[in-house]
Amino acid sequence: MKHRLRALGAALTAAVTAAATITAVVASAPTAAAASLVQVTNFGTNPTNLLMYEYVPNNVSAHPAILLALHQCTGTGPGFYSGTAFASLADQYGFIVIYPTANRSGNCWDVSSSAALSHTGNSDPAGLMSMITYVEQHNNGDSSRVYVTGASSGAMMTNVMLGDYPNVFQAGSAFMGVPFGCFYTGTVDGWNSACANGQSTMTGAQWAQQVYNAYPGYSGARPRMQLWHGTADTTLNYNNFGQEILQWTTVLGVSSTPTTTDSPAANWTRTRYDNGSGTIEVEAYSIAGQGHVLPIEGQGMEQDAIHFFGLDGSSTGGNPSPSPSHSASPSPSATSASPSSGPTTGGGGSGACKVTDTISAWNTGETENLTVTNNGAAINGWTLKFTLASGQVITQGWNATFTGTSGAVSATNLSYNGSIPAGGTVTLGFNANQTGNSAAPTGFTLNGAACSVG
């Protein structure tokens, strides 16, 4: 069973419930003039007895977009309403948010049964679709602007909804999920340990086939996808992030090598995958040092999702445009025991590459984030080698496969970040134990060529 997701979901739910002040009005056909959360009953086909809550802002558009927002295990629609920023963003931009509740023990979404993974199935996705149809019919919702987002179990369901109903959704944003089909067990309330632990790996084509199997014969446009994951996630392993990227880049017909890589906030790495015409089909955020806690309050993650959808007035085609500003706080591992942090400089010279190393250290450990700039010709496949200071032992890394945990270390690209154009950058990092020596690594080389540090 889904004990780990439920245990974490219970902690998250308790926090948001304590702060919740929700006005819920039960009605078969509610008037949604007031900016409050309203429960809707009798909204249509509902095989698994889901609960529907709707938020219609005071300044709702005449023909509003629709966002389906899905809670984590043990969560509720009202809890997700009060614990995330999507309602306040709806106030700003005039779209409608649906906050459903999974109405079963543990409140996890069914993402593991055959019925859930089918366009014609009769599990949770069917009830969620009825909610969307209700808003289209009763609130003049725009059927050409329907989006979905969710956290944890809700992120899994975000993947499922895009696979089941590619003809309905324009885009999705999944916070800490797994690929479509990864959690399959054949049962409604199943727990797939191999998937949760990041052990389910396939090629992009194999993952894409999982999606295609949900709606055989469908040949229309596919919804764009935004993905979020913390590198220190021990509930749904970070390896699922790379597998999701493989799946959706393949489904959307773009390379799994990012078009651009940047860092819009501290400890964030954003990779984008466009179609050659500037439309971002897949966007992925790796959050260094974070566990199973996304989205994080006050860091603008929800606004980034709304921006990706185009609901803030930006291009709905996903063309690169300025993203919201951020003030992301350091990862939890970088805030313990009064850490000191700052970029480490040394060496000098141009070199074939340049490494910028930002260290956050405390009494028994440290977090390092490395930005590698390629000063030479374009690279397709890379290995960064370096030597750790005495006493340092890597305990976890991200955005690379690490060989060696002390002394001489090699970090090799993953499937989604192997190409570095001339002048381009790649980011990676690690957590390490240390016994008082938090000095930066030395002897950086990229594919055998010496790097400067600065």
Protein backbone atom coordinates (compact mmCIF):
# COMPACT_ATOMS: atom_id res chain seq x y z
CA MET A 1 0.00 0.00 0.00
CA LYS A 2 0.98 3.60 -0.32
CA HIS A 3 2.20 4.10 3.24
CA ARG A 4 5.19 6.30 2.44
CA LEU A 5 3.23 8.73 0.28
CA ARG A 6 0.44 8.77 2.84
CA ALA A 7 2.77 9.40 5.75
CA LEU A 8 4.37 12.37 4.04
CA GLY A 9 1.03 13.53 2.69
CA ALA A 10 -0.40 13.46 6.21
CA ALA A 11 2.32 15.80 7.45
CA LEU A 12 1.78 18.19 4.55
CA THR A 13 -1.97 18.04 4.98
CA ALA A 14 -1.79 18.79 8.71
CA ALA A 15 0.24 21.91 7.99
CA VAL A 16 -2.11 23.31 5.40
CA THR A 17 -5.25 22.32 7.34
CA ALA A 18 -4.10 24.31 10.36
CA ALA A 19 -3.93 27.42 8.19
CA ALA A 20 -7.06 26.78 6.15
CA THR A 21 -10.05 29.08 6.33
CA ILE A 22 -12.35 27.74 3.68
CA THR A 23 -15.93 28.54 2.91
CA ALA A 24 -17.50 25.51 1.23
CA VAL A 25 -21.07 25.63 -0.03
CA VAL A 26 -22.70 22.44 -1.26
CA ALA A 27 -24.78 22.97 -4.38
CA SER A 28 -25.84 21.10 -7.47
CA ALA A 29 -25.39 24.11 -9.71
CA PRO A 30 -23.62 26.79 -7.66
CA THR A 31 -23.42 30.41 -8.53
CA ALA A 32 -19.73 31.23 -8.43
CA ALA A 33 -19.77 35.00 -8.11
CA ALA A 34 -18.07 35.00 -4.71
CA ALA A 35 -14.33 34.36 -4.55
CA SER A 36 -14.59 31.35 -2.27
CA LEU A 37 -14.14 27.63 -2.62
CA VAL A 38 -17.44 25.98 -3.53
CA GLN A 39 -18.24 22.28 -3.43
CA VAL A 40 -20.11 21.01 -6.46
CA THR A 41 -22.25 17.87 -6.40
CA ASN A 42 -23.98 16.02 -9.24
CA PHE A 43 -21.32 17.09 -11.72
CA GLY A 44 -21.65 14.02 -13.95
CA THR A 45 -20.21 10.54 -14.28
CA ASN A 46 -18.21 9.79 -11.14
CA PRO A 47 -17.38 6.08 -10.84
CA THR A 48 -15.06 6.44 -7.82
CA ASN A 49 -17.09 8.98 -5.81
CA LEU A 50 -14.61 11.84 -6.08
CA LEU A 51 -15.44 15.18 -4.47
CA MET A 52 -15.36 18.36 -6.55
CA TYR A 53 -14.48 21.86 -5.33
CA GLU A 54 -14.39 24.88 -7.62
CA TYR A 55 -12.72 28.27 -7.26
CA VAL A 56 -14.06 31.06 -9.46
CA PRO A 57 -12.34 34.42 -8.86
CA ASN A 58 -14.25 37.68 -8.68
CA ASN A 59 -12.64 38.87 -11.91
CA VAL A 60 -13.18 35.62 -13.80
CA SER A 61 -12.76 35.97 -17.55
CA ALA A 62 -15.80 35.80 -19.79
CA HIS A 63 -14.48 32.57 -21.33
CA PRO A 64 -12.01 31.39 -18.69
CA ALA A 65 -9.25 28.84 -18.87
CA ILE A 66 -9.56 25.82 -16.53
CA LEU A 67 -6.89 24.45 -14.22
CA LEU A 68 -7.30 21.03 -12.58
CA ALA A 69 -5.20 21.06 -9.36
CA LEU A 70 -4.55 17.66 -7.73
CA HIS A 71 -3.51 17.07 -4.12
CA GLN A 72 -0.99 14.61 -2.63
CA CYS A 73 -1.84 11.38 -0.75
CA THR A 74 -3.82 12.10 2.45
CA GLY A 75 -4.58 15.53 1.05
CA THR A 76 -7.87 17.09 -0.01
CA GLY A 77 -9.02 19.59 -2.58
CA PRO A 78 -9.63 22.25 0.09
CA GLY A 79 -6.20 21.55 1.59
CA PHE A 80 -4.50 21.98 -1.78
CA TYR A 81 -6.49 25.19 -2.29
CA SER A 82 -5.22 26.69 0.96
CA GLY A 83 -1.70 25.26 0.76
CA THR A 84 -0.74 26.44 -2.74
CA ALA A 85 -0.79 29.73 -4.64
CA PHE A 86 -2.99 28.67 -7.55
CA ALA A 87 -6.11 30.40 -6.22
CA SER A 88 -4.31 33.74 -5.75
CA LEU A 89 -2.93 33.39 -9.28
CA ALA A 90 -6.47 32.76 -10.51
CA ASP A 91 -7.42 36.04 -8.81
CA GLN A 92 -4.73 37.79 -10.84
CA TYR A 93 -5.40 36.19 -14.21
CA GLY A 94 -9.09 35.27 -14.22
CA PHE A 95 -9.00 31.48 -14.74
CA ILE A 96 -11.01 28.84 -12.83
CA VAL A 97 -9.41 26.19 -10.61
CA ILE A 98 -10.94 22.78 -9.89
CA TYR A 99 -9.72 21.21 -6.61
CA PRO A 100 -10.92 17.57 -6.47
CA THR A 101 -10.58 15.19 -3.54
CA ALA A 102 -9.74 11.52 -3.97
CA ASN A 103 -12.43 9.90 -1.85
CA ARG A 104 -10.86 6.66 -0.59
CA SER A 105 -8.71 5.47 2.28
CA GLY A 106 -5.46 7.40 2.18
CA ASN A 107 -6.80 9.81 -0.47
CA CYS A 108 -4.27 8.70 -3.09
CA TRP A 109 -5.22 8.95 -6.75
CA ASP A 110 -5.62 5.78 -8.76
CA VAL A 111 -2.61 5.80 -11.07
CA SER A 112 -1.93 2.07 -10.93
CA SER A 113 -4.96 0.24 -12.37
CA SER A 114 -5.72 -0.64 -15.99
CA ALA A 115 -8.89 1.46 -15.79
CA ALA A 116 -6.89 4.53 -14.73
CA LEU A 117 -4.41 4.18 -17.58
CA SER A 118 -7.01 4.25 -20.35
CA HIS A 119 -8.89 6.89 -22.30
CA THR A 120 -12.05 4.81 -21.89
CA GLY A 121 -11.47 3.69 -18.29
CA ASN A 122 -13.93 4.09 -15.43
CA SER A 123 -11.67 5.10 -12.55
CA ASP A 124 -10.56 8.49 -11.17
CA PRO A 125 -9.68 10.06 -14.55
CA ALA A 126 -13.27 9.63 -15.72
CA GLY A 127 -14.61 11.57 -12.72
CA LEU A 128 -12.00 14.29 -13.17
CA MET A 129 -13.06 14.67 -16.79
CA SER A 130 -16.67 15.11 -15.67
CA MET A 131 -15.56 18.02 -13.48
CA ILE A 132 -13.89 19.71 -16.43
CA THR A 133 -16.98 19.22 -18.60
CA TYR A 134 -19.12 20.67 -15.82
CA VAL A 135 -17.05 23.87 -15.70
CA GLU A 136 -17.17 24.18 -19.47
CA GLN A 137 -20.96 23.87 -19.45
CA HIS A 138 -21.82 25.86 -16.29
CA ASN A 139 -19.08 28.49 -16.19
CA ASN A 140 -18.49 29.01 -19.91
CA GLY A 141 -15.05 27.43 -19.48
CA ASP A 142 -12.76 27.48 -22.50
CA SER A 143 -12.32 23.90 -23.72
CA SER A 144 -9.26 24.98 -25.72
CA ARG A 145 -7.44 26.11 -22.56
CA VAL A 146 -7.55 23.25 -20.07
CA TYR A 147 -4.50 22.49 -17.89
CA VAL A 148 -3.57 20.15 -15.04
CA THR A 149 -1.08 20.27 -12.18
CA GLY A 150 -0.46 18.28 -9.02
CA ALA A 151 1.97 17.25 -6.31
CA SER A 152 3.21 13.71 -5.51
CA SER A 153 0.22 11.42 -6.13
CA GLY A 154 -1.35 14.43 -7.88
CA ALA A 155 1.76 14.74 -10.04
CA MET A 156 1.42 11.07 -10.99
CA MET A 157 -2.18 11.79 -11.95
CA THR A 158 -1.03 14.81 -13.95
CA ASN A 159 1.04 12.42 -16.07
CA VAL A 160 -1.93 10.06 -16.32
CA MET A 161 -4.40 12.75 -17.41
CA LEU A 162 -2.09 13.95 -20.18
CA GLY A 163 -1.72 10.39 -21.41
CA ASP A 164 -5.41 9.48 -21.15
CA TYR A 165 -6.82 12.72 -22.57
CA PRO A 166 -4.31 14.35 -24.96
CA ASN A 167 -7.30 15.78 -26.82
CA VAL A 168 -8.43 17.73 -23.73
CA PHE A 169 -5.33 19.26 -22.14
CA GLN A 170 -2.98 21.89 -23.51
CA ALA A 171 -0.26 21.31 -20.91
CA GLY A 172 0.54 19.90 -17.49
CA SER A 173 2.91 20.64 -14.61
CA ALA A 174 3.91 17.72 -12.36
CA PHE A 175 5.60 18.35 -9.00
CA MET A 176 7.46 15.19 -7.86
CA GLY A 177 5.82 12.58 -10.06
CA VAL A 178 6.69 9.49 -12.07
CA PRO A 179 6.26 8.66 -15.77
CA PHE A 180 2.89 7.61 -17.13
CA GLY A 181 2.49 3.87 -16.56
CA CYS A 182 5.42 3.60 -14.17
CA PHE A 183 3.22 2.93 -11.12
CA TYR A 184 1.10 0.23 -12.78
CA THR A 185 0.18 -2.70 -10.53
CA GLY A 186 -3.21 -3.68 -11.96
CA THR A 187 -4.93 -2.62 -8.74
CA VAL A 188 -6.62 0.64 -7.75
CA ASP A 189 -4.62 1.18 -4.57
CA GLY A 190 -1.33 -0.44 -5.53
CA TRP A 191 2.17 0.56 -4.51
CA ASN A 192 4.93 -0.01 -7.07
CA SER A 193 8.18 -0.11 -5.10
CA ALA A 194 10.43 -0.42 -8.15
CA CYS A 195 8.95 2.75 -9.64
CA ALA A 196 8.96 4.65 -6.34
CA ASN A 197 12.61 3.74 -5.76
CA GLY A 198 13.64 4.90 -9.23
CA GLN A 199 14.42 1.41 -10.48
CA SER A 200 11.99 1.44 -13.43
CA THR A 201 14.03 2.52 -16.44
CA MET A 202 13.19 2.27 -20.12
CA THR A 203 14.13 3.94 -23.37
CA GLY A 204 12.26 7.03 -24.47
CA ALA A 205 10.46 4.97 -27.12
CA GLN A 206 9.36 2.40 -24.55
CA TRP A 207 8.07 5.07 -22.19
CA ALA A 208 6.28 6.81 -25.05
CA GLN A 209 4.55 3.56 -25.97
CA GLN A 210 3.05 3.47 -22.48
CA VAL A 211 1.39 6.80 -23.30
CA TYR A 212 0.28 5.73 -26.76
CA ASN A 213 -1.34 2.58 -25.33
CA ALA A 214 -3.70 4.72 -23.27
CA TYR A 215 -5.46 6.08 -26.35
CA PRO A 216 -4.81 3.76 -29.32
CA GLY A 217 -5.24 5.40 -32.68
CA TYR A 218 -5.01 8.97 -31.40
CA SER A 219 -2.96 11.07 -33.83
CA GLY A 220 -3.70 14.64 -32.76
CA ALA A 221 -1.61 17.18 -30.92
CA ARG A 222 -0.08 16.25 -27.57
CA PRO A 223 -0.03 18.48 -24.47
CA ARG A 224 3.23 20.12 -23.38
CA MET A 225 4.77 19.10 -20.07
CA GLN A 226 6.57 20.84 -17.21
CA LEU A 227 8.36 18.68 -14.61
CA TRP A 228 9.69 19.40 -11.10
CA HIS A 229 11.74 17.19 -8.76
CA GLY A 230 14.04 17.55 -5.76
CA THR A 231 17.36 15.75 -5.91
CA ALA A 232 16.99 14.52 -2.31
CA ASP A 233 13.52 13.00 -2.77
CA THR A 234 13.43 9.68 -0.91
CA THR A 235 9.71 9.03 -1.46
CA LEU A 236 9.62 9.13 -5.26
CA ASN A 237 13.26 8.79 -6.22
CA TYR A 238 14.88 11.55 -8.29
CA ASN A 239 15.66 9.02 -11.05
CA ASN A 240 11.99 9.28 -12.02
CA PHE A 241 12.64 12.86 -13.12
CA GLY A 242 14.99 11.78 -15.89
CA GLN A 243 12.61 9.02 -16.97
CA GLU A 244 9.75 11.53 -17.21
CA ILE A 245 11.93 13.75 -19.38
CA LEU A 246 12.69 10.80 -21.66
CA GLN A 247 9.01 9.91 -21.90
CA TRP A 248 7.59 13.32 -22.71
CA THR A 249 10.36 14.52 -25.02
CA THR A 250 9.80 11.35 -27.05
CA VAL A 251 6.02 11.70 -27.03
CA LEU A 252 6.34 15.34 -28.12
CA GLY A 253 8.91 14.57 -30.79
CA VAL A 254 11.87 16.58 -29.49
CA SER A 255 15.39 15.63 -28.50
CA SER A 256 16.04 14.58 -24.90
CA THR A 257 19.11 16.82 -25.06
CA PRO A 258 18.09 20.21 -23.68
CA THR A 259 17.97 23.22 -25.96
CA THR A 260 18.88 25.49 -23.06
CA THR A 261 20.05 25.06 -19.48
CA ASP A 262 19.98 27.80 -16.86
CA SER A 263 19.53 28.46 -13.15
CA PRO A 264 16.60 30.85 -12.51
CA ALA A 265 17.02 30.63 -8.72
CA ALA A 266 19.49 29.38 -6.15
CA ASN A 267 19.88 25.57 -6.35
CA TRP A 268 17.52 25.36 -9.35
CA THR A 269 18.53 23.90 -12.69
CA ARG A 270 16.07 24.42 -15.53
CA THR A 271 16.36 22.54 -18.80
CA ARG A 272 14.17 23.30 -21.81
CA TYR A 273 13.45 21.18 -24.85
CA ASP A 274 12.02 23.06 -27.82
CA ASN A 275 10.81 21.92 -31.22
CA GLY A 276 13.22 23.96 -33.33
CA SER A 277 10.66 26.71 -33.85
CA GLY A 278 11.03 28.13 -30.36
CA THR A 279 8.08 26.36 -28.74
CA ILE A 280 9.11 24.77 -25.45
CA GLU A 281 7.54 21.31 -25.46
CA VAL A 282 9.09 20.10 -22.21
CA GLU A 283 10.49 22.18 -19.33
CA ALA A 284 12.17 20.53 -16.34
CA TYR A 285 13.23 21.96 -12.97
CA SER A 286 15.74 20.08 -10.80
CA ILE A 287 15.86 21.48 -7.25
CA ALA A 288 19.17 20.64 -5.56
CA GLY A 289 18.98 19.26 -2.04
CA GLN A 290 15.18 19.28 -1.79
CA GLY A 291 13.15 16.29 -0.65
CA HIS A 292 9.52 15.40 -1.27
CA VAL A 293 8.16 18.87 -0.48
CA LEU A 294 7.32 20.63 -3.77
CA PRO A 295 5.91 23.13 -4.51
CA ILE A 296 7.59 25.19 -1.78
CA GLU A 297 5.62 28.15 -0.44
CA GLY A 298 6.90 31.56 -1.43
CA GLN A 299 9.39 30.43 -4.09
CA GLY A 300 7.23 31.16 -7.13
CA MET A 301 6.99 27.58 -8.36
CA GLU A 302 3.24 27.80 -8.95
CA GLN A 303 3.75 31.03 -10.88
CA ASP A 304 6.32 29.29 -13.07
CA ALA A 305 3.69 26.66 -13.86
CA ILE A 306 1.13 29.33 -14.74
CA HIS A 307 3.75 31.06 -16.90
CA PHE A 308 4.48 27.79 -18.73
CA PHE A 309 0.77 27.39 -19.40
CA GLY A 310 0.52 30.97 -20.68
CA LEU A 311 -2.20 31.82 -18.15
CA ASP A 312 -0.32 34.95 -17.06
CA GLY A 313 -0.72 36.49 -20.50
CA SER A 314 2.53 35.12 -21.90
CA SER A 315 2.57 33.18 -25.14
CA THR A 316 0.61 29.95 -24.81
CA GLY A 317 2.95 28.43 -27.36
CA GLY A 318 5.67 28.25 -24.77
CA ASN A 319 8.13 30.54 -26.53
CA PRO A 320 11.02 31.57 -24.30
CA SER A 321 10.08 34.73 -22.43
CA PRO A 322 11.11 36.26 -19.12
CA SER A 323 10.10 34.03 -16.22
CA PRO A 324 8.85 35.30 -12.86
CA SER A 325 11.54 36.48 -10.49
CA HIS A 326 12.54 34.16 -7.66
CA SER A 327 13.95 34.33 -4.18
CA ALA A 328 14.44 30.63 -3.57
CA SER A 329 15.93 29.79 -0.20
CA PRO A 330 18.81 27.33 0.16
CA SER A 331 18.11 23.62 0.36
CA PRO A 332 17.50 22.17 3.84
CA SER A 333 20.89 20.51 3.87
CA ALA A 334 22.51 23.89 3.28
CA THR A 335 20.79 25.63 6.17
CA SER A 336 21.71 23.40 9.10
CA ALA A 337 24.14 24.43 11.84
CA SER A 338 24.73 28.00 10.62
CA PRO A 339 26.37 27.21 7.27
CA SER A 340 28.71 29.57 5.49
CA SER A 341 28.38 29.72 1.72
CA GLY A 342 29.77 31.46 -1.30
CA PRO A 343 31.47 30.84 -4.63
CA THR A 344 34.91 29.36 -4.41
CA THR A 345 37.48 30.82 -6.76
CA GLY A 346 41.00 29.87 -7.62
CA GLY A 347 43.21 28.81 -10.47
CA GLY A 348 42.56 31.19 -13.31
CA GLY A 349 43.27 31.22 -17.01
CA SER A 350 40.83 30.53 -19.82
CA GLY A 351 41.11 26.72 -20.08
CA ALA A 352 38.94 24.45 -22.21
CA CYS A 353 36.26 24.85 -19.56
CA LYS A 354 35.50 26.86 -16.48
CA VAL A 355 34.03 25.56 -13.21
CA THR A 356 32.20 27.74 -10.70
CA ASP A 357 31.79 25.93 -7.39
CA THR A 358 29.33 27.20 -4.78
CA ILE A 359 29.76 25.57 -1.38
CA SER A 360 27.36 25.58 1.57
CA ALA A 361 29.16 23.97 4.53
CA TRP A 362 28.33 23.19 8.14
CA ASN A 363 30.09 21.27 10.90
CA THR A 364 29.71 17.74 9.49
CA GLY A 365 28.69 18.23 5.89
CA GLU A 366 28.43 20.37 2.81
CA THR A 367 26.48 20.89 -0.39
CA GLU A 368 28.31 21.82 -3.58
CA ASN A 369 26.74 23.09 -6.78
CA LEU A 370 29.02 23.09 -9.82
CA THR A 371 28.43 25.12 -12.98
CA VAL A 372 30.61 23.98 -15.87
CA THR A 373 31.06 26.30 -18.85
CA ASN A 374 32.32 24.79 -22.11
CA ASN A 375 34.90 27.15 -23.63
CA GLY A 376 35.62 24.88 -26.58
CA ALA A 377 33.68 23.20 -29.38
CA ALA A 378 30.28 21.64 -28.75
CA ILE A 379 30.35 18.50 -26.61
CA ASN A 380 28.04 15.50 -26.91
CA GLY A 381 28.70 13.35 -23.85
CA TRP A 382 30.89 14.54 -20.99
CA THR A 383 32.80 13.43 -17.93
CA LEU A 384 33.94 15.90 -15.31
CA LYS A 385 36.79 14.66 -13.10
CA PHE A 386 38.05 16.24 -9.91
CA THR A 387 39.68 15.41 -6.56
CA LEU A 388 37.86 15.91 -3.27
CA ALA A 389 39.59 17.44 -0.28
CA SER A 390 40.75 15.08 2.45
CA GLY A 391 37.96 13.76 4.67
CA GLN A 392 35.13 14.52 2.24
CA VAL A 393 32.79 11.68 1.21
CA ILE A 394 29.96 12.15 -1.29
CA THR A 395 26.62 10.87 -0.01
CA GLN A 396 24.35 11.96 -2.85
CA GLY A 397 24.68 13.61 -6.24
CA TRP A 398 22.39 15.08 -8.90
CA ASN A 399 22.41 15.81 -12.64
CA ALA A 400 25.25 13.28 -13.16
CA THR A 401 26.31 9.72 -12.42
CA PHE A 402 29.11 9.83 -9.85
CA THR A 403 31.90 7.25 -9.79
CA GLY A 404 33.96 7.32 -6.60
CA THR A 405 32.86 8.98 -3.38
CA SER A 406 36.19 10.22 -2.00
CA GLY A 407 39.52 11.25 -3.46
CA ALA A 408 39.35 11.03 -7.27
CA VAL A 409 35.75 11.38 -8.51
CA SER A 410 34.20 11.22 -11.98
CA ALA A 411 30.81 12.71 -12.82
CA THR A 412 29.26 11.59 -16.13
CA ASN A 413 26.26 13.13 -17.88
CA LEU A 414 22.75 11.69 -17.63
CA SER A 415 20.51 11.01 -20.63
CA TYR A 416 18.99 14.49 -20.61
CA ASN A 417 22.06 16.72 -20.21
CA GLY A 418 24.81 15.15 -22.30
CA SER A 419 25.24 17.96 -24.81
CA ILE A 420 26.97 21.24 -23.99
CA PRO A 421 27.14 23.73 -26.88
CA ALA A 422 30.15 25.99 -27.33
CA GLY A 423 29.85 28.61 -24.62
CA GLY A 424 27.07 26.63 -22.95
CA THR A 425 26.83 25.43 -19.37
CA VAL A 426 25.74 22.40 -17.39
CA THR A 427 25.06 22.25 -13.68
CA LEU A 428 25.52 19.36 -11.26
CA GLY A 429 26.17 18.93 -7.58
CA PHE A 430 26.47 16.73 -4.55
CA ASN A 431 26.07 16.45 -0.81
CA ALA A 432 29.10 15.26 1.18
CA ASN A 433 30.10 14.44 4.70
CA GLN A 434 33.24 16.19 5.96
CA THR A 435 35.20 16.45 9.20
CA GLY A 436 36.11 20.12 9.22
CA ASN A 437 37.71 20.48 5.80
CA SER A 438 35.19 22.05 3.39
CA ALA A 439 37.77 23.06 0.78
CA ALA A 440 36.72 22.98 -2.84
CA PRO A 441 37.70 20.09 -5.12
CA THR A 442 40.81 20.51 -7.26
CA GLY A 443 42.09 19.27 -10.59
CA PHE A 444 38.91 19.74 -12.64
CA THR A 445 39.01 18.27 -16.16
CA LEU A 446 36.23 18.03 -18.72
CA ASN A 447 36.69 15.11 -21.10
CA GLY A 448 40.35 15.15 -20.22
CA ALA A 449 40.93 18.90 -20.77
CA ALA A 450 41.91 21.03 -17.78
CA CYS A 451 39.36 23.54 -16.47
CA SER A 452 39.93 26.88 -14.82
CA VAL A 453 38.06 27.64 -11.60
CA GLY A 454 36.40 30.93 -10.93
